[in-house]
């Protein structure tokens, strides 16, 4: 924390900044940094002034120093993302915005989403074939409730990367949300070729098939979705049982992520590796048995 003299300097800096006296504010920011070199807010204030003076590289350097001192400083990360965006470094800017979202709350979170949306739009304009940009824009529109715009962006992402199951999944689940289950089923069934254990990609086509009157195929998908859902508590039990064995626990956490993504063989391999480390674990045995039964059904 800054001492009384530094706090007084910050007050002078703020008054100079509000009065539009940028040169004075910058000199005061330099004084703050000299007096309190381990205090990140001094560097943030310096970056604010430098950015307004058009000195973007110097502002970037000050913000990186603030984040070195305090990596979870949300304001510093948001401002760094904006400075990078202004310099045309859009990919890194997107990464900084996404990191800020992990910790931002309230108005800062809203600001992060807004700026992220602007960055994705800019990236999309610079390279309209970039699937990542369209998918990012889809996420922003969807979170803001603008579903027709989200759907248009989702289609663009899928068109630019037609073999990417993540974009097919995003398009399918969005169509479900918009009340178009038949169209969604087509996209979601395509996801299952790459991610056969994706519960969502089984559930929604199952519902759509039942609605069409195809009871057998619909029940097959819904039963598979339920089998996959039942793996989650078994995985939790196994994680609890091996909690003291760091390597086995890490493998199970990897298995959980793979399962959530819908990977079948990779999920089983991660669980098998964990069981090799903990061969006496009953919970791991139950989990592996359930996975083997699912693979054979």
C-alpha atoms as a PDB file:
ATOM      1  CA  UNK A   1       0.000   0.000   0.000  1.00  0.00           C
ATOM      2  CA  UNK A   2       1.239   3.559  -0.732  1.00  0.00           C
ATOM      3  CA  UNK A   3       2.342   5.853   2.091  1.00  0.00           C
ATOM      4  CA  UNK A   4       0.651   9.179   2.922  1.00  0.00           C
ATOM      5  CA  UNK A   5       2.882  11.201   0.601  1.00  0.00           C
ATOM      6  CA  UNK A   6       2.201   8.867  -2.330  1.00  0.00           C
ATOM      7  CA  UNK A   7      -1.529   8.974  -1.614  1.00  0.00           C
ATOM      8  CA  UNK A   8      -1.373  12.770  -1.694  1.00  0.00           C
ATOM      9  CA  UNK A   9       0.448  12.645  -5.031  1.00  0.00           C
ATOM     10  CA  UNK A  10      -2.260  10.375  -6.448  1.00  0.00           C
ATOM     11  CA  UNK A  11      -4.877  12.907  -5.360  1.00  0.00           C
ATOM     12  CA  UNK A  12      -2.985  15.660  -7.195  1.00  0.00           C
ATOM     13  CA  UNK A  13      -2.633  13.391 -10.232  1.00  0.00           C
ATOM     14  CA  UNK A  14      -6.376  12.728 -10.335  1.00  0.00           C
ATOM     15  CA  UNK A  15      -7.209  16.427 -10.069  1.00  0.00           C
ATOM     16  CA  UNK A  16      -4.756  17.281 -12.856  1.00  0.00           C
ATOM     17  CA  UNK A  17      -6.174  14.512 -15.029  1.00  0.00           C
ATOM     18  CA  UNK A  18      -9.768  15.659 -14.525  1.00  0.00           C
ATOM     19  CA  UNK A  19      -8.683  19.225 -15.353  1.00  0.00           C
ATOM     20  CA  UNK A  20      -7.187  18.038 -18.633  1.00  0.00           C
ATOM     21  CA  UNK A  21      -3.631  18.832 -17.576  1.00  0.00           C
ATOM     22  CA  UNK A  22      -2.068  15.751 -19.133  1.00  0.00           C
ATOM     23  CA  UNK A  23       1.596  16.821 -18.887  1.00  0.00           C
ATOM     24  CA  UNK A  24       1.206  17.604 -15.193  1.00  0.00           C
ATOM     25  CA  UNK A  25      -0.651  14.342 -14.632  1.00  0.00           C
ATOM     26  CA  UNK A  26       2.131  12.377 -16.338  1.00  0.00           C
ATOM     27  CA  UNK A  27       4.821  14.058 -14.222  1.00  0.00           C
ATOM     28  CA  UNK A  28       2.841  13.221 -11.079  1.00  0.00           C
ATOM     29  CA  UNK A  29       2.389   9.620 -12.262  1.00  0.00           C
ATOM     30  CA  UNK A  30       6.162   9.354 -12.688  1.00  0.00           C
ATOM     31  CA  UNK A  31       6.584  10.638  -9.123  1.00  0.00           C
ATOM     32  CA  UNK A  32       4.100   8.051  -7.823  1.00  0.00           C
ATOM     33  CA  UNK A  33       5.962   5.226  -9.566  1.00  0.00           C
ATOM     34  CA  UNK A  34       9.304   6.445  -8.195  1.00  0.00           C
ATOM     35  CA  UNK A  35       7.965   6.634  -4.635  1.00  0.00           C
ATOM     36  CA  UNK A  36       6.046   3.322  -4.762  1.00  0.00           C
ATOM     37  CA  UNK A  37       7.665   1.076  -7.413  1.00  0.00           C
ATOM     38  CA  UNK A  38       5.930  -2.044  -6.058  1.00  0.00           C
ATOM     39  CA  UNK A  39       2.432  -0.520  -6.184  1.00  0.00           C
ATOM     40  CA  UNK A  40       0.684  -1.525  -9.451  1.00  0.00           C
ATOM     41  CA  UNK A  41      -1.891   1.289  -9.446  1.00  0.00           C
ATOM     42  CA  UNK A  42       0.855   3.862 -10.029  1.00  0.00           C
ATOM     43  CA  UNK A  43       1.740   2.155 -13.316  1.00  0.00           C
ATOM     44  CA  UNK A  44      -1.941   1.935 -14.277  1.00  0.00           C
ATOM     45  CA  UNK A  45      -2.404   5.681 -13.758  1.00  0.00           C
ATOM     46  CA  UNK A  46       0.741   6.347 -15.771  1.00  0.00           C
ATOM     47  CA  UNK A  47      -0.597   4.147 -18.584  1.00  0.00           C
ATOM     48  CA  UNK A  48      -3.945   5.967 -18.571  1.00  0.00           C
ATOM     49  CA  UNK A  49      -2.201   9.282 -19.173  1.00  0.00           C
ATOM     50  CA  UNK A  50       0.288   7.879 -21.704  1.00  0.00           C
ATOM     51  CA  UNK A  51      -2.527   6.326 -23.724  1.00  0.00           C
ATOM     52  CA  UNK A  52      -4.357   9.630 -23.955  1.00  0.00           C
ATOM     53  CA  UNK A  53      -1.131  11.266 -25.086  1.00  0.00           C
ATOM     54  CA  UNK A  54      -0.873   8.660 -27.873  1.00  0.00           C
ATOM     55  CA  UNK A  55       2.184   6.947 -26.391  1.00  0.00           C
ATOM     56  CA  UNK A  56       0.777   3.447 -26.731  1.00  0.00           C
ATOM     57  CA  UNK A  57       4.024   1.467 -26.494  1.00  0.00           C
ATOM     58  CA  UNK A  58       4.987   3.245 -23.282  1.00  0.00           C
ATOM     59  CA  UNK A  59       1.471   2.678 -21.922  1.00  0.00           C
ATOM     60  CA  UNK A  60       1.750  -1.028 -22.780  1.00  0.00           C
ATOM     61  CA  UNK A  61       5.082  -1.290 -20.937  1.00  0.00           C
ATOM     62  CA  UNK A  62       3.618   0.368 -17.825  1.00  0.00           C
ATOM     63  CA  UNK A  63       0.617  -1.976 -17.816  1.00  0.00           C
ATOM     64  CA  UNK A  64       2.777  -5.065 -18.226  1.00  0.00           C
ATOM     65  CA  UNK A  65       4.762  -3.935 -15.195  1.00  0.00           C
ATOM     66  CA  UNK A  66       1.524  -3.467 -13.221  1.00  0.00           C
ATOM     67  CA  UNK A  67       0.466  -7.002 -14.147  1.00  0.00           C
ATOM     68  CA  UNK A  68       3.878  -8.386 -13.254  1.00  0.00           C
ATOM     69  CA  UNK A  69       3.360  -6.945  -9.786  1.00  0.00           C
ATOM     70  CA  UNK A  70      -0.300  -8.027  -9.571  1.00  0.00           C
ATOM     71  CA  UNK A  71      -1.434 -10.528 -12.238  1.00  0.00           C
ATOM     72  CA  UNK A  72      -5.089 -10.382 -11.111  1.00  0.00           C
ATOM     73  CA  UNK A  73      -5.368  -6.591 -11.535  1.00  0.00           C
ATOM     74  CA  UNK A  74      -8.508  -6.466 -13.686  1.00  0.00           C
ATOM     75  CA  UNK A  75      -8.328  -2.771 -14.581  1.00  0.00           C
ATOM     76  CA  UNK A  76      -4.721  -3.131 -15.737  1.00  0.00           C
ATOM     77  CA  UNK A  77      -5.559  -6.151 -17.876  1.00  0.00           C
ATOM     78  CA  UNK A  78      -8.578  -4.488 -19.473  1.00  0.00           C
ATOM     79  CA  UNK A  79      -6.578  -1.376 -20.283  1.00  0.00           C
ATOM     80  CA  UNK A  80      -3.716  -3.479 -21.669  1.00  0.00           C
ATOM     81  CA  UNK A  81      -6.190  -5.274 -23.931  1.00  0.00           C
ATOM     82  CA  UNK A  82      -7.502  -1.925 -25.178  1.00  0.00           C
ATOM     83  CA  UNK A  83      -3.980  -0.584 -25.793  1.00  0.00           C
ATOM     84  CA  UNK A  84      -3.044  -3.751 -27.711  1.00  0.00           C
ATOM     85  CA  UNK A  85      -6.232  -3.453 -29.741  1.00  0.00           C
ATOM     86  CA  UNK A  86      -5.378   0.143 -30.628  1.00  0.00           C
ATOM     87  CA  UNK A  87      -1.989  -1.054 -31.860  1.00  0.00           C
ATOM     88  CA  UNK A  88      -3.594  -3.681 -34.083  1.00  0.00           C
ATOM     89  CA  UNK A  89      -2.477  -6.637 -31.952  1.00  0.00           C
ATOM     90  CA  UNK A  90      -5.971  -8.110 -31.981  1.00  0.00           C
ATOM     91  CA  UNK A  91      -5.205 -11.730 -31.141  1.00  0.00           C
ATOM     92  CA  UNK A  92      -3.283 -10.827 -27.994  1.00  0.00           C
ATOM     93  CA  UNK A  93      -5.947  -8.260 -27.113  1.00  0.00           C
ATOM     94  CA  UNK A  94      -8.606 -10.983 -27.285  1.00  0.00           C
ATOM     95  CA  UNK A  95      -6.556 -13.157 -24.938  1.00  0.00           C
ATOM     96  CA  UNK A  96      -6.219 -10.304 -22.437  1.00  0.00           C
ATOM     97  CA  UNK A  97      -9.974  -9.589 -22.542  1.00  0.00           C
ATOM     98  CA  UNK A  98     -10.733 -13.262 -21.928  1.00  0.00           C
ATOM     99  CA  UNK A  99      -8.333 -13.354 -18.972  1.00  0.00           C
ATOM    100  CA  UNK A 100      -9.978 -10.249 -17.522  1.00  0.00           C
ATOM    101  CA  UNK A 101     -13.393 -11.917 -17.753  1.00  0.00           C
ATOM    102  CA  UNK A 102     -12.257 -14.672 -15.386  1.00  0.00           C
ATOM    103  CA  UNK A 103     -12.019 -12.136 -12.532  1.00  0.00           C
ATOM    104  CA  UNK A 104     -14.074  -9.119 -13.573  1.00  0.00           C
ATOM    105  CA  UNK A 105     -17.392  -8.451 -11.839  1.00  0.00           C
ATOM    106  CA  UNK A 106     -20.131  -5.831 -12.115  1.00  0.00           C
ATOM    107  CA  UNK A 107     -19.430  -2.912 -14.424  1.00  0.00           C
ATOM    108  CA  UNK A 108     -15.902  -4.134 -15.151  1.00  0.00           C
ATOM    109  CA  UNK A 109     -17.292  -7.426 -16.438  1.00  0.00           C
ATOM    110  CA  UNK A 110     -19.802  -5.593 -18.607  1.00  0.00           C
ATOM    111  CA  UNK A 111     -16.983  -3.414 -19.959  1.00  0.00           C
ATOM    112  CA  UNK A 112     -14.887  -6.497 -20.692  1.00  0.00           C
ATOM    113  CA  UNK A 113     -17.701  -8.125 -22.684  1.00  0.00           C
ATOM    114  CA  UNK A 114     -18.362  -4.913 -24.579  1.00  0.00           C
ATOM    115  CA  UNK A 115     -14.705  -4.436 -25.535  1.00  0.00           C
ATOM    116  CA  UNK A 116     -14.366  -8.132 -26.387  1.00  0.00           C
ATOM    117  CA  UNK A 117     -17.258  -7.764 -28.789  1.00  0.00           C
ATOM    118  CA  UNK A 118     -15.651  -4.736 -30.431  1.00  0.00           C
ATOM    119  CA  UNK A 119     -12.377  -6.643 -30.805  1.00  0.00           C
ATOM    120  CA  UNK A 120     -14.091  -9.643 -32.410  1.00  0.00           C
ATOM    121  CA  UNK A 121     -15.956  -7.376 -34.819  1.00  0.00           C
ATOM    122  CA  UNK A 122     -12.713  -5.666 -35.769  1.00  0.00           C
ATOM    123  CA  UNK A 123     -10.951  -8.980 -36.233  1.00  0.00           C
ATOM    124  CA  UNK A 124     -13.827 -10.220 -38.371  1.00  0.00           C
ATOM    125  CA  UNK A 125     -13.591  -7.147 -40.601  1.00  0.00           C
ATOM    126  CA  UNK A 126      -9.856  -7.559 -41.038  1.00  0.00           C
ATOM    127  CA  UNK A 127     -10.167 -11.229 -41.928  1.00  0.00           C
ATOM    128  CA  UNK A 128     -13.713 -12.289 -42.706  1.00  0.00           C
ATOM    129  CA  UNK A 129     -12.549 -15.877 -43.212  1.00  0.00           C
ATOM    130  CA  UNK A 130     -11.345 -16.226 -39.628  1.00  0.00           C
ATOM    131  CA  UNK A 131     -13.659 -18.746 -37.955  1.00  0.00           C
ATOM    132  CA  UNK A 132     -12.416 -17.837 -34.485  1.00  0.00           C
ATOM    133  CA  UNK A 133     -13.522 -14.242 -34.943  1.00  0.00           C
ATOM    134  CA  UNK A 134     -17.009 -15.236 -36.068  1.00  0.00           C
ATOM    135  CA  UNK A 135     -17.389 -17.689 -33.195  1.00  0.00           C
ATOM    136  CA  UNK A 136     -16.262 -15.083 -30.698  1.00  0.00           C
ATOM    137  CA  UNK A 137     -18.787 -12.644 -32.107  1.00  0.00           C
ATOM    138  CA  UNK A 138     -21.431 -15.383 -31.830  1.00  0.00           C
ATOM    139  CA  UNK A 139     -20.668 -15.723 -28.118  1.00  0.00           C
ATOM    140  CA  UNK A 140     -20.983 -11.992 -27.532  1.00  0.00           C
ATOM    141  CA  UNK A 141     -24.314 -11.769 -29.399  1.00  0.00           C
ATOM    142  CA  UNK A 142     -25.655 -14.841 -27.624  1.00  0.00           C
ATOM    143  CA  UNK A 143     -24.779 -13.547 -24.155  1.00  0.00           C
ATOM    144  CA  UNK A 144     -26.447 -10.250 -24.991  1.00  0.00           C
ATOM    145  CA  UNK A 145     -29.600 -12.093 -26.117  1.00  0.00           C
ATOM    146  CA  UNK A 146     -29.313 -11.124 -29.788  1.00  0.00           C
ATOM    147  CA  UNK A 147     -30.013 -14.607 -31.114  1.00  0.00           C
ATOM    148  CA  UNK A 148     -30.568 -13.866 -34.835  1.00  0.00           C
ATOM    149  CA  UNK A 149     -27.221 -12.042 -34.954  1.00  0.00           C
ATOM    150  CA  UNK A 150     -25.619 -14.890 -32.985  1.00  0.00           C
ATOM    151  CA  UNK A 151     -27.012 -17.411 -35.470  1.00  0.00           C
ATOM    152  CA  UNK A 152     -25.616 -15.476 -38.441  1.00  0.00           C
ATOM    153  CA  UNK A 153     -22.160 -15.389 -36.819  1.00  0.00           C
ATOM    154  CA  UNK A 154     -22.376 -19.100 -35.905  1.00  0.00           C
ATOM    155  CA  UNK A 155     -23.129 -19.980 -39.524  1.00  0.00           C
ATOM    156  CA  UNK A 156     -20.154 -17.919 -40.701  1.00  0.00           C
ATOM    157  CA  UNK A 157     -17.843 -19.719 -38.254  1.00  0.00           C
ATOM    158  CA  UNK A 158     -19.095 -23.126 -39.371  1.00  0.00           C
ATOM    159  CA  UNK A 159     -18.758 -22.229 -43.048  1.00  0.00           C
ATOM    160  CA  UNK A 160     -15.138 -21.165 -42.583  1.00  0.00           C
ATOM    161  CA  UNK A 161     -14.237 -24.321 -40.596  1.00  0.00           C
ATOM    162  CA  UNK A 162     -16.777 -26.955 -41.675  1.00  0.00           C
ATOM    163  CA  UNK A 163     -14.906 -29.858 -40.089  1.00  0.00           C
ATOM    164  CA  UNK A 164     -14.592 -28.247 -36.654  1.00  0.00           C
ATOM    165  CA  UNK A 165     -17.061 -29.986 -34.299  1.00  0.00           C
ATOM    166  CA  UNK A 166     -17.004 -27.078 -31.828  1.00  0.00           C
ATOM    167  CA  UNK A 167     -18.570 -24.743 -34.380  1.00  0.00           C
ATOM    168  CA  UNK A 168     -21.147 -27.366 -35.378  1.00  0.00           C
ATOM    169  CA  UNK A 169     -22.000 -27.832 -31.709  1.00  0.00           C
ATOM    170  CA  UNK A 170     -22.355 -24.082 -31.149  1.00  0.00           C
ATOM    171  CA  UNK A 171     -24.630 -23.794 -34.179  1.00  0.00           C
ATOM    172  CA  UNK A 172     -26.740 -26.785 -33.147  1.00  0.00           C
ATOM    173  CA  UNK A 173     -27.253 -25.741 -29.528  1.00  0.00           C
ATOM    174  CA  UNK A 174     -28.134 -22.206 -30.631  1.00  0.00           C
ATOM    175  CA  UNK A 175     -30.775 -23.553 -33.012  1.00  0.00           C
ATOM    176  CA  UNK A 176     -32.221 -25.597 -30.132  1.00  0.00           C
ATOM    177  CA  UNK A 177     -32.390 -22.447 -28.025  1.00  0.00           C
ATOM    178  CA  UNK A 178     -34.246 -20.717 -30.876  1.00  0.00           C
ATOM    179  CA  UNK A 179     -36.850 -23.490 -31.056  1.00  0.00           C
ATOM    180  CA  UNK A 180     -35.604 -25.137 -34.254  1.00  0.00           C
ATOM    181  CA  UNK A 181     -34.823 -28.691 -33.038  1.00  0.00           C
ATOM    182  CA  UNK A 182     -35.050 -30.435 -36.427  1.00  0.00           C
ATOM    183  CA  UNK A 183     -32.428 -28.197 -37.985  1.00  0.00           C
ATOM    184  CA  UNK A 184     -30.333 -28.429 -34.821  1.00  0.00           C
ATOM    185  CA  UNK A 185     -30.372 -32.228 -34.901  1.00  0.00           C
ATOM    186  CA  UNK A 186     -28.601 -32.274 -38.268  1.00  0.00           C
ATOM    187  CA  UNK A 187     -25.676 -30.250 -36.931  1.00  0.00           C
ATOM    188  CA  UNK A 188     -25.489 -32.063 -33.602  1.00  0.00           C
ATOM    189  CA  UNK A 189     -25.482 -35.515 -35.170  1.00  0.00           C
ATOM    190  CA  UNK A 190     -22.458 -34.384 -37.162  1.00  0.00           C
ATOM    191  CA  UNK A 191     -20.698 -33.528 -33.892  1.00  0.00           C
ATOM    192  CA  UNK A 192     -21.029 -37.149 -32.754  1.00  0.00           C
ATOM    193  CA  UNK A 193     -18.739 -38.424 -35.507  1.00  0.00           C
ATOM    194  CA  UNK A 194     -15.838 -36.642 -33.786  1.00  0.00           C
ATOM    195  CA  UNK A 195     -17.181 -36.530 -30.208  1.00  0.00           C
ATOM    196  CA  UNK A 196     -19.255 -39.688 -29.684  1.00  0.00           C
ATOM    197  CA  UNK A 197     -19.568 -39.113 -25.932  1.00  0.00           C
ATOM    198  CA  UNK A 198     -21.007 -35.606 -26.103  1.00  0.00           C
ATOM    199  CA  UNK A 199     -24.178 -35.769 -24.001  1.00  0.00           C
ATOM    200  CA  UNK A 200     -25.735 -32.587 -25.413  1.00  0.00           C
ATOM    201  CA  UNK A 201     -25.129 -33.775 -28.963  1.00  0.00           C
ATOM    202  CA  UNK A 202     -27.096 -36.939 -28.130  1.00  0.00           C
ATOM    203  CA  UNK A 203     -29.867 -35.332 -26.102  1.00  0.00           C
ATOM    204  CA  UNK A 204     -31.195 -32.744 -28.558  1.00  0.00           C
ATOM    205  CA  UNK A 205     -31.244 -35.010 -31.646  1.00  0.00           C
ATOM    206  CA  UNK A 206     -33.008 -37.592 -29.464  1.00  0.00           C
ATOM    207  CA  UNK A 207     -35.742 -35.106 -28.597  1.00  0.00           C
ATOM    208  CA  UNK A 208     -36.061 -34.039 -32.241  1.00  0.00           C
ATOM    209  CA  UNK A 209     -36.334 -37.644 -33.452  1.00  0.00           C
ATOM    210  CA  UNK A 210     -39.038 -38.417 -30.874  1.00  0.00           C
ATOM    211  CA  UNK A 211     -40.980 -35.353 -32.016  1.00  0.00           C
ATOM    212  CA  UNK A 212     -40.788 -36.644 -35.606  1.00  0.00           C
ATOM    213  CA  UNK A 213     -42.159 -40.011 -34.485  1.00  0.00           C
ATOM    214  CA  UNK A 214     -38.900 -41.942 -34.852  1.00  0.00           C
ATOM    215  CA  UNK A 215     -39.164 -43.496 -31.398  1.00  0.00           C
ATOM    216  CA  UNK A 216     -36.419 -46.119 -31.689  1.00  0.00           C
ATOM    217  CA  UNK A 217     -33.697 -43.737 -32.899  1.00  0.00           C
ATOM    218  CA  UNK A 218     -34.822 -41.036 -30.493  1.00  0.00           C
ATOM    219  CA  UNK A 219     -34.721 -43.363 -27.487  1.00  0.00           C
ATOM    220  CA  UNK A 220     -31.277 -44.591 -28.533  1.00  0.00           C
ATOM    221  CA  UNK A 221     -29.871 -41.054 -28.393  1.00  0.00           C
ATOM    222  CA  UNK A 222     -31.638 -40.206 -25.133  1.00  0.00           C
ATOM    223  CA  UNK A 223     -30.492 -43.430 -23.471  1.00  0.00           C
ATOM    224  CA  UNK A 224     -26.915 -42.679 -24.492  1.00  0.00           C
ATOM    225  CA  UNK A 225     -27.211 -39.149 -23.095  1.00  0.00           C
ATOM    226  CA  UNK A 226     -28.446 -40.590 -19.796  1.00  0.00           C
ATOM    227  CA  UNK A 227     -25.616 -43.138 -19.672  1.00  0.00           C
ATOM    228  CA  UNK A 228     -23.125 -40.322 -20.186  1.00  0.00           C
ATOM    229  CA  UNK A 229     -24.767 -38.236 -17.474  1.00  0.00           C
ATOM    230  CA  UNK A 230     -24.341 -41.124 -15.025  1.00  0.00           C
ATOM    231  CA  UNK A 231     -20.574 -41.075 -15.571  1.00  0.00           C
ATOM    232  CA  UNK A 232     -20.303 -37.671 -13.876  1.00  0.00           C
ATOM    233  CA  UNK A 233     -21.045 -38.821 -10.281  1.00  0.00           C
ATOM    234  CA  UNK A 234     -18.829 -41.884 -10.773  1.00  0.00           C
ATOM    235  CA  UNK A 235     -16.025 -39.588 -11.861  1.00  0.00           C
ATOM    236  CA  UNK A 236     -16.576 -37.390  -8.811  1.00  0.00           C
ATOM    237  CA  UNK A 237     -16.412 -40.418  -6.490  1.00  0.00           C
ATOM    238  CA  UNK A 238     -13.150 -41.487  -8.095  1.00  0.00           C
ATOM    239  CA  UNK A 239     -11.677 -37.983  -7.718  1.00  0.00           C
ATOM    240  CA  UNK A 240     -12.536 -37.986  -4.015  1.00  0.00           C
ATOM    241  CA  UNK A 241     -11.052 -41.441  -3.522  1.00  0.00           C
ATOM    242  CA  UNK A 242      -7.697 -40.609  -5.143  1.00  0.00           C
ATOM    243  CA  UNK A 243      -7.501 -37.005  -3.879  1.00  0.00           C
ATOM    244  CA  UNK A 244      -4.206 -37.655  -2.078  1.00  0.00           C
ATOM    245  CA  UNK A 245      -2.532 -39.037  -5.190  1.00  0.00           C
ATOM    246  CA  UNK A 246      -1.760 -35.936  -7.234  1.00  0.00           C
ATOM    247  CA  UNK A 247      -0.925 -37.660 -10.513  1.00  0.00           C
ATOM    248  CA  UNK A 248      -4.037 -39.847 -10.490  1.00  0.00           C
ATOM    249  CA  UNK A 249      -6.208 -36.872  -9.586  1.00  0.00           C
ATOM    250  CA  UNK A 250      -4.729 -34.814 -12.419  1.00  0.00           C
ATOM    251  CA  UNK A 251      -5.529 -37.621 -14.863  1.00  0.00           C
ATOM    252  CA  UNK A 252      -9.126 -37.752 -13.655  1.00  0.00           C
ATOM    253  CA  UNK A 253      -9.512 -34.004 -14.034  1.00  0.00           C
ATOM    254  CA  UNK A 254      -8.208 -34.399 -17.578  1.00  0.00           C
ATOM    255  CA  UNK A 255     -10.738 -37.197 -18.118  1.00  0.00           C
ATOM    256  CA  UNK A 256     -13.543 -34.905 -16.913  1.00  0.00           C
ATOM    257  CA  UNK A 257     -12.561 -32.212 -19.418  1.00  0.00           C
ATOM    258  CA  UNK A 258     -12.342 -34.758 -22.227  1.00  0.00           C
ATOM    259  CA  UNK A 259     -15.731 -36.177 -21.284  1.00  0.00           C
ATOM    260  CA  UNK A 260     -17.309 -32.727 -21.289  1.00  0.00           C
ATOM    261  CA  UNK A 261     -15.918 -32.238 -24.790  1.00  0.00           C
ATOM    262  CA  UNK A 262     -17.369 -35.580 -25.870  1.00  0.00           C
ATOM    263  CA  UNK A 263     -14.181 -37.534 -26.521  1.00  0.00           C
ATOM    264  CA  UNK A 264     -14.651 -41.270 -25.965  1.00  0.00           C
ATOM    265  CA  UNK A 265     -11.373 -43.132 -26.376  1.00  0.00           C
ATOM    266  CA  UNK A 266      -9.271 -40.327 -24.921  1.00  0.00           C
ATOM    267  CA  UNK A 267     -11.477 -40.174 -21.823  1.00  0.00           C
ATOM    268  CA  UNK A 268     -11.134 -43.896 -21.245  1.00  0.00           C
ATOM    269  CA  UNK A 269      -7.385 -43.741 -21.724  1.00  0.00           C
ATOM    270  CA  UNK A 270      -7.057 -41.032 -19.073  1.00  0.00           C
ATOM    271  CA  UNK A 271      -9.111 -43.091 -16.602  1.00  0.00           C
ATOM    272  CA  UNK A 272      -7.110 -46.238 -17.391  1.00  0.00           C
ATOM    273  CA  UNK A 273      -3.883 -44.327 -16.710  1.00  0.00           C
ATOM    274  CA  UNK A 274      -5.275 -43.141 -13.367  1.00  0.00           C
ATOM    275  CA  UNK A 275      -6.231 -46.707 -12.444  1.00  0.00           C
ATOM    276  CA  UNK A 276      -2.739 -47.909 -13.288  1.00  0.00           C
ATOM    277  CA  UNK A 277      -1.528 -45.556 -10.552  1.00  0.00           C
ATOM    278  CA  UNK A 278      -4.294 -46.567  -8.120  1.00  0.00           C
ATOM    279  CA  UNK A 279      -5.132 -50.194  -8.986  1.00  0.00           C
ATOM    280  CA  UNK A 280      -6.885 -50.828  -5.654  1.00  0.00           C
ATOM    281  CA  UNK A 281      -9.435 -48.027  -6.073  1.00  0.00           C
ATOM    282  CA  UNK A 282     -13.014 -49.408  -6.144  1.00  0.00           C
ATOM    283  CA  UNK A 283     -14.356 -46.090  -7.448  1.00  0.00           C
ATOM    284  CA  UNK A 284     -11.981 -46.174 -10.391  1.00  0.00           C
ATOM    285  CA  UNK A 285     -12.957 -49.754 -11.108  1.00  0.00           C
ATOM    286  CA  UNK A 286     -16.662 -48.810 -11.152  1.00  0.00           C
ATOM    287  CA  UNK A 287     -15.995 -45.830 -13.396  1.00  0.00           C
ATOM    288  CA  UNK A 288     -13.932 -47.840 -15.856  1.00  0.00           C
ATOM    289  CA  UNK A 289     -16.536 -50.608 -15.940  1.00  0.00           C
ATOM    290  CA  UNK A 290     -19.273 -48.096 -16.756  1.00  0.00           C
ATOM    291  CA  UNK A 291     -17.138 -46.601 -19.517  1.00  0.00           C
ATOM    292  CA  UNK A 292     -16.382 -49.984 -21.025  1.00  0.00           C
ATOM    293  CA  UNK A 293     -20.067 -50.893 -20.986  1.00  0.00           C
ATOM    294  CA  UNK A 294     -20.851 -47.595 -22.724  1.00  0.00           C
ATOM    295  CA  UNK A 295     -18.196 -48.233 -25.359  1.00  0.00           C
ATOM    296  CA  UNK A 296     -19.625 -51.668 -26.092  1.00  0.00           C
ATOM    297  CA  UNK A 297     -23.291 -50.656 -26.211  1.00  0.00           C
END
